[in-house]
Amino acid sequence: MPASVLSPAHTSRVSFRRKLSAYFSLTKPRVMELLLAVTVPAMFLAQSGLPNLLLVVVTLVGGALSAGSAGAFNCIIDRDIDRLMRRTEGRPLVTGDVSTREAVIFASVLAVFSTLWFGFLTNWLAAALSLGAIAFYVVVYSIILKRRTPQNIVWGGAAGGFPVLIGWAAVTGSLAWPPVILFLIIFLWTPPHYWPLSWKYRDDYRSADVPMLTVVRGPVTVGLQIVLYAWATFAATLLLIPVAGMGLIYTVLALGLGIAFVVESHRLFARAISHVDVTPMRLFHYSNAYLAMLFVGVALDALWHLPVLG
């Protein structure tokens, strides 16, 4: 355990720059980047072209505040297990750079401000979805499911899908089937994206008594689950084509990227069956690129829609 945790006066001695950095770290900026990256393409699709740029900026700011609140609450809830894992032992509530009271105030202010931000500057449907995303991630995932079921990360993927609903609602003031399919894509993509990472850090999760699938099941079972979810993700990306009337740009990218995603998941599964070094991070890194490029395809297709059949 870091020595700073043992000193109650530590937070009062932290420099302003370090304190600011600690607050920023509480928001889980890497997760936030991913969430914001899928919001903008959803807005392009909702507009069938280039949405109002001011609205895009307002939505991204609100999304950052909302995601930051959820991330900070998660850090508060997980501060006990974060101390036990090498991957998370440098988080601000573990090092003592931010006190629990400070973190609670910070997360609560972000939650209230992001809801009002969306409500007054976009619409109240987007505000309700933003608040719902925070509640789902904090209560359903972090408090109820994470420490109780190996399917925790599956349901955690639902929280990651909210930004596309928020982006669509910010543009249209309503919801429709296309954003639901985008939500489904992210929901199904999350397990084959995160399980490889938890595979690498399974000893950390085991020491913290978190029942990740990679902890409670063997490599073959985990590999099979990854393959099944990769195929389901691929199918959902193709479902968007008829539902949203996607054109040639998206169709080509969805097919090419999706096939590569499925092949990579099968490669991991084959190595698990053969009891060979699995190297799960290869799929993890590709899954990041896969989702990013797929959603770039959504935006490009909305801007320059080319019919699949001329």
Protein backbone atom coordinates (compact mmCIF):
# COMPACT_ATOMS: atom_id res chain seq x y z
CA MET A 1 0.00 0.00 0.00
CA PRO A 2 1.38 3.46 -0.88
CA ALA A 3 2.65 5.32 2.13
CA SER A 4 0.53 8.35 1.26
CA VAL A 5 -2.63 6.39 2.02
CA LEU A 6 -1.49 6.04 5.62
CA SER A 7 -1.23 9.79 6.11
CA PRO A 8 -4.60 11.58 6.64
CA ALA A 9 -2.93 14.94 6.09
CA HIS A 10 -1.58 13.96 2.70
CA THR A 11 -4.39 15.54 0.64
CA SER A 12 -3.85 18.93 2.29
CA ARG A 13 -0.19 18.90 1.22
CA VAL A 14 -0.75 18.02 -2.45
CA SER A 15 0.30 20.77 -4.84
CA PHE A 16 -2.35 22.50 -6.95
CA ARG A 17 -1.02 21.01 -10.18
CA ARG A 18 -0.97 17.50 -8.75
CA LYS A 19 -4.47 17.95 -7.28
CA LEU A 20 -5.77 19.13 -10.65
CA SER A 21 -4.18 16.16 -12.36
CA ALA A 22 -5.72 13.85 -9.75
CA TYR A 23 -9.21 15.21 -10.35
CA PHE A 24 -8.72 14.74 -14.10
CA SER A 25 -7.57 11.17 -13.51
CA LEU A 26 -10.74 10.47 -11.52
CA THR A 27 -12.78 11.04 -14.69
CA LYS A 28 -11.06 8.10 -16.43
CA PRO A 29 -10.05 10.13 -19.50
CA ARG A 30 -9.21 7.10 -21.67
CA VAL A 31 -12.71 5.72 -21.25
CA MET A 32 -14.11 9.21 -21.82
CA GLU A 33 -12.23 9.54 -25.12
CA LEU A 34 -13.79 6.34 -26.42
CA LEU A 35 -17.29 7.42 -25.38
CA LEU A 36 -16.95 10.81 -27.05
CA ALA A 37 -15.53 9.19 -30.20
CA VAL A 38 -18.77 7.31 -30.82
CA THR A 39 -21.02 10.27 -29.98
CA VAL A 40 -20.06 12.45 -32.95
CA PRO A 41 -20.67 9.83 -35.69
CA ALA A 42 -24.10 9.14 -34.15
CA MET A 43 -24.85 12.85 -34.50
CA PHE A 44 -23.73 12.81 -38.15
CA LEU A 45 -26.04 9.87 -38.82
CA ALA A 46 -28.94 11.55 -37.01
CA GLN A 47 -28.46 14.67 -39.14
CA SER A 48 -27.82 12.69 -42.35
CA GLY A 49 -24.85 14.99 -42.84
CA LEU A 50 -22.94 17.62 -40.91
CA PRO A 51 -24.75 18.60 -37.70
CA ASN A 52 -24.61 22.07 -36.19
CA LEU A 53 -21.01 22.43 -35.00
CA LEU A 54 -22.00 24.36 -31.89
CA LEU A 55 -24.40 21.56 -30.97
CA VAL A 56 -21.58 19.05 -31.45
CA VAL A 57 -19.32 21.01 -29.09
CA VAL A 58 -22.10 21.39 -26.50
CA THR A 59 -22.86 17.66 -26.67
CA LEU A 60 -19.20 16.69 -26.34
CA VAL A 61 -18.73 18.95 -23.33
CA GLY A 62 -21.85 17.57 -21.69
CA GLY A 63 -20.77 14.03 -22.53
CA ALA A 64 -17.34 14.61 -21.01
CA LEU A 65 -18.90 15.94 -17.80
CA SER A 66 -21.33 13.03 -17.63
CA ALA A 67 -18.72 10.35 -18.33
CA GLY A 68 -16.35 12.06 -15.90
CA SER A 69 -18.97 11.90 -13.16
CA ALA A 70 -19.58 8.18 -13.77
CA GLY A 71 -15.84 7.49 -13.79
CA ALA A 72 -15.29 9.39 -10.56
CA PHE A 73 -18.14 7.58 -8.79
CA ASN A 74 -16.67 4.29 -9.99
CA CYS A 75 -13.29 5.22 -8.51
CA ILE A 76 -15.00 5.96 -5.19
CA ILE A 77 -16.82 2.63 -5.15
CA ASP A 78 -13.77 0.63 -6.23
CA ARG A 79 -11.18 2.36 -4.06
CA ASP A 80 -10.80 -0.72 -1.85
CA ILE A 81 -10.07 -3.14 -4.69
CA ASP A 82 -8.01 -0.55 -6.60
CA ARG A 83 -5.48 -0.74 -3.74
CA LEU A 84 -5.07 -4.46 -4.41
CA MET A 85 -4.39 -4.30 -8.16
CA ARG A 86 -1.17 -3.17 -9.78
CA ARG A 87 -3.08 -1.69 -12.74
CA THR A 88 -5.05 0.67 -10.49
CA GLU A 89 -2.81 1.27 -7.46
CA GLY A 90 -1.87 4.72 -8.77
CA ARG A 91 -5.42 6.08 -8.84
CA PRO A 92 -5.96 9.29 -6.81
CA LEU A 93 -8.11 7.76 -4.06
CA VAL A 94 -5.46 5.09 -3.50
CA THR A 95 -2.50 7.47 -3.40
CA GLY A 96 -4.42 9.94 -1.22
CA ASP A 97 -4.09 12.83 -3.69
CA VAL A 98 -7.86 13.23 -3.43
CA SER A 99 -9.93 12.39 -0.35
CA THR A 100 -13.13 10.37 -0.55
CA ARG A 101 -15.14 13.43 0.48
CA GLU A 102 -13.56 15.55 -2.24
CA ALA A 103 -14.21 12.85 -4.82
CA VAL A 104 -17.88 12.51 -3.83
CA ILE A 105 -18.41 16.27 -4.10
CA PHE A 106 -16.57 16.37 -7.44
CA ALA A 107 -18.55 13.47 -8.94
CA SER A 108 -21.87 14.84 -7.68
CA VAL A 109 -21.23 18.32 -9.06
CA LEU A 110 -20.35 16.85 -12.46
CA ALA A 111 -23.53 14.75 -12.46
CA VAL A 112 -25.79 17.69 -11.64
CA PHE A 113 -24.02 20.12 -13.96
CA SER A 114 -23.95 17.71 -16.92
CA THR A 115 -27.68 17.01 -16.56
CA LEU A 116 -28.54 20.70 -16.47
CA TRP A 117 -26.09 21.39 -19.30
CA PHE A 118 -27.84 18.91 -21.57
CA GLY A 119 -31.30 19.99 -20.47
CA PHE A 120 -30.89 23.70 -21.09
CA LEU A 121 -28.50 23.60 -24.07
CA THR A 122 -29.82 20.58 -26.01
CA ASN A 123 -33.04 18.96 -24.76
CA TRP A 124 -34.33 17.13 -21.72
CA LEU A 125 -34.38 13.74 -23.43
CA ALA A 126 -30.60 13.97 -23.84
CA ALA A 127 -30.37 15.12 -20.23
CA ALA A 128 -32.42 12.15 -19.01
CA LEU A 129 -30.28 9.73 -21.02
CA SER A 130 -27.12 11.30 -19.60
CA LEU A 131 -28.39 10.92 -16.04
CA GLY A 132 -29.53 7.38 -16.85
CA ALA A 133 -26.06 6.51 -18.13
CA ILE A 134 -24.46 7.69 -14.89
CA ALA A 135 -27.00 5.79 -12.78
CA PHE A 136 -26.60 2.60 -14.79
CA TYR A 137 -22.81 2.62 -14.66
CA VAL A 138 -22.62 3.52 -11.00
CA VAL A 139 -25.51 1.55 -9.50
CA VAL A 140 -26.20 -1.36 -11.85
CA TYR A 141 -22.64 -2.08 -12.96
CA SER A 142 -20.29 -0.78 -10.25
CA ILE A 143 -22.37 -1.51 -7.15
CA ILE A 144 -24.62 -4.45 -8.07
CA LEU A 145 -22.95 -6.51 -10.80
CA LYS A 146 -19.19 -6.01 -10.85
CA ARG A 147 -18.44 -8.01 -7.70
CA ARG A 148 -21.27 -10.52 -8.05
CA THR A 149 -21.22 -12.05 -11.53
CA PRO A 150 -18.67 -13.01 -14.22
CA GLN A 151 -21.07 -11.43 -16.71
CA ASN A 152 -20.37 -8.02 -15.14
CA ILE A 153 -18.60 -6.57 -18.13
CA VAL A 154 -21.38 -7.67 -20.48
CA TRP A 155 -23.80 -5.38 -18.69
CA GLY A 156 -21.11 -2.76 -18.28
CA GLY A 157 -21.21 -2.50 -22.06
CA ALA A 158 -24.73 -1.10 -21.83
CA ALA A 159 -23.37 1.97 -20.06
CA GLY A 160 -20.89 2.43 -22.90
CA GLY A 161 -23.73 2.47 -25.41
CA PHE A 162 -25.55 5.46 -23.91
CA PRO A 163 -23.44 8.14 -25.69
CA VAL A 164 -24.83 7.20 -29.12
CA LEU A 165 -28.36 7.55 -27.77
CA ILE A 166 -27.45 10.91 -26.24
CA GLY A 167 -25.84 12.15 -29.46
CA TRP A 168 -28.86 11.14 -31.53
CA ALA A 169 -31.29 12.69 -29.04
CA ALA A 170 -29.29 15.94 -28.97
CA VAL A 171 -29.79 16.30 -32.73
CA THR A 172 -33.35 15.03 -33.17
CA GLY A 173 -34.98 15.36 -29.75
CA SER A 174 -36.15 11.76 -30.11
CA LEU A 175 -34.93 8.18 -30.48
CA ALA A 176 -35.24 5.73 -33.37
CA TRP A 177 -34.01 2.30 -34.44
CA PRO A 178 -30.62 3.39 -35.88
CA PRO A 179 -29.25 4.64 -32.52
CA VAL A 180 -30.61 1.49 -30.89
CA ILE A 181 -28.53 -0.58 -33.33
CA LEU A 182 -25.48 1.59 -32.61
CA PHE A 183 -26.13 0.99 -28.90
CA LEU A 184 -26.35 -2.75 -29.59
CA ILE A 185 -23.04 -2.72 -31.48
CA ILE A 186 -21.21 -1.17 -28.51
CA PHE A 187 -23.01 -3.46 -26.05
CA LEU A 188 -21.93 -6.59 -27.95
CA TRP A 189 -18.43 -5.26 -28.72
CA THR A 190 -17.55 -4.60 -25.07
CA PRO A 191 -17.01 -8.23 -23.92
CA PRO A 192 -14.58 -9.24 -26.72
CA HIS A 193 -12.87 -5.88 -26.18
CA TYR A 194 -12.51 -6.02 -22.39
CA TRP A 195 -12.11 -9.73 -21.69
CA PRO A 196 -8.67 -9.81 -23.36
CA LEU A 197 -7.56 -6.96 -21.07
CA SER A 198 -8.94 -8.72 -18.00
CA TRP A 199 -7.20 -11.87 -19.26
CA LYS A 200 -3.86 -10.11 -19.02
CA TYR A 201 -4.67 -8.76 -15.54
CA ARG A 202 -6.56 -11.80 -14.22
CA ASP A 203 -4.14 -12.18 -11.30
CA ASP A 204 -5.00 -8.64 -10.23
CA TYR A 205 -8.72 -9.36 -10.37
CA ARG A 206 -8.22 -12.65 -8.55
CA SER A 207 -6.34 -10.95 -5.72
CA ALA A 208 -9.12 -8.36 -5.46
CA ASP A 209 -11.78 -11.11 -5.48
CA VAL A 210 -13.53 -9.66 -8.56
CA PRO A 211 -15.23 -12.53 -10.46
CA MET A 212 -14.19 -11.59 -13.97
CA LEU A 213 -14.91 -14.34 -16.49
CA THR A 214 -11.16 -14.73 -17.02
CA VAL A 215 -10.78 -15.49 -13.30
CA VAL A 216 -13.62 -17.97 -12.78
CA ARG A 217 -13.46 -19.76 -16.15
CA GLY A 218 -10.65 -21.37 -18.12
CA PRO A 219 -9.02 -19.97 -21.28
CA VAL A 220 -11.06 -22.16 -23.64
CA THR A 221 -14.39 -21.01 -22.20
CA VAL A 222 -13.30 -17.38 -22.28
CA GLY A 223 -12.01 -17.75 -25.85
CA LEU A 224 -15.30 -19.27 -26.98
CA GLN A 225 -17.29 -16.46 -25.36
CA ILE A 226 -15.09 -13.91 -27.12
CA VAL A 227 -15.71 -15.62 -30.48
CA LEU A 228 -19.48 -15.67 -29.95
CA TYR A 229 -19.63 -12.00 -29.00
CA ALA A 230 -17.35 -11.05 -31.91
CA TRP A 231 -19.74 -12.77 -34.34
CA ALA A 232 -22.71 -11.08 -32.66
CA THR A 233 -20.99 -7.69 -32.97
CA PHE A 234 -20.30 -8.32 -36.64
CA ALA A 235 -23.96 -9.24 -37.23
CA ALA A 236 -25.14 -6.08 -35.46
CA THR A 237 -22.90 -3.88 -37.63
CA LEU A 238 -24.46 -5.44 -40.73
CA LEU A 239 -27.96 -4.98 -39.29
CA LEU A 240 -27.36 -1.22 -39.32
CA ILE A 241 -27.14 -1.28 -43.15
CA PRO A 242 -30.86 -1.96 -43.82
CA VAL A 243 -32.14 -0.28 -40.65
CA ALA A 244 -30.34 3.04 -41.21
CA GLY A 245 -30.02 2.80 -45.01
CA MET A 246 -26.22 2.84 -44.85
CA GLY A 247 -24.28 3.27 -48.07
CA LEU A 248 -21.18 1.86 -49.74
CA ILE A 249 -18.58 3.48 -47.44
CA TYR A 250 -19.98 2.02 -44.26
CA THR A 251 -20.84 -1.32 -45.86
CA VAL A 252 -17.30 -1.91 -47.13
CA LEU A 253 -15.76 -0.89 -43.79
CA ALA A 254 -18.21 -2.96 -41.74
CA LEU A 255 -17.49 -6.05 -43.83
CA GLY A 256 -13.72 -5.65 -43.94
CA LEU A 257 -13.20 -4.61 -40.34
CA GLY A 258 -15.75 -7.10 -39.05
CA ILE A 259 -14.22 -10.08 -40.82
CA ALA A 260 -10.81 -9.13 -39.43
CA PHE A 261 -12.32 -8.79 -35.93
CA VAL A 262 -13.90 -12.25 -36.13
CA VAL A 263 -10.70 -13.80 -37.53
CA GLU A 264 -8.64 -12.27 -34.72
CA SER A 265 -11.05 -13.61 -32.10
CA HIS A 266 -10.85 -17.09 -33.65
CA ARG A 267 -7.06 -16.82 -33.58
CA LEU A 268 -7.15 -16.17 -29.84
CA PHE A 269 -9.58 -19.07 -29.33
CA ALA A 270 -7.39 -21.45 -31.35
CA ARG A 271 -4.35 -20.58 -29.26
CA ALA A 272 -6.38 -21.14 -26.08
CA ILE A 273 -7.44 -24.60 -27.29
CA SER A 274 -3.84 -25.43 -28.21
CA HIS A 275 -2.62 -24.22 -24.79
CA VAL A 276 -0.26 -21.81 -26.55
CA ASP A 277 0.61 -18.35 -25.22
CA VAL A 278 -2.64 -16.51 -25.96
CA THR A 279 -1.32 -12.90 -26.28
CA PRO A 280 -4.79 -11.42 -25.58
CA MET A 281 -3.67 -7.79 -25.89
CA ARG A 282 -3.40 -8.19 -29.66
CA LEU A 283 -7.19 -8.54 -29.85
CA PHE A 284 -7.66 -5.79 -27.27
CA HIS A 285 -5.68 -3.27 -29.33
CA TYR A 286 -7.38 -4.30 -32.56
CA SER A 287 -10.82 -3.99 -30.96
CA ASN A 288 -10.08 -0.34 -30.14
CA ALA A 289 -9.08 0.38 -33.73
CA TYR A 290 -12.04 -1.63 -35.01
CA LEU A 291 -14.68 0.38 -33.18
CA ALA A 292 -13.02 3.71 -33.95
CA MET A 293 -12.74 2.99 -37.68
CA LEU A 294 -16.26 1.58 -37.83
CA PHE A 295 -17.72 4.76 -36.37
CA VAL A 296 -15.57 6.90 -38.65
CA GLY A 297 -17.28 4.94 -41.41
CA VAL A 298 -20.68 5.90 -39.96
CA ALA A 299 -19.74 9.60 -40.10
CA LEU A 300 -18.22 9.41 -43.59
CA ASP A 301 -21.24 7.54 -44.91
CA ALA A 302 -23.54 10.24 -43.55
CA LEU A 303 -21.45 12.95 -45.24
CA TRP A 304 -20.91 11.26 -48.60
CA HIS A 305 -23.68 8.71 -48.95
CA LEU A 306 -23.01 6.37 -51.85
CA PRO A 307 -25.75 3.81 -52.56
CA VAL A 308 -24.65 0.20 -52.25
CA LEU A 309 -26.29 -0.51 -55.60
CA GLY A 310 -25.90 2.27 -58.13
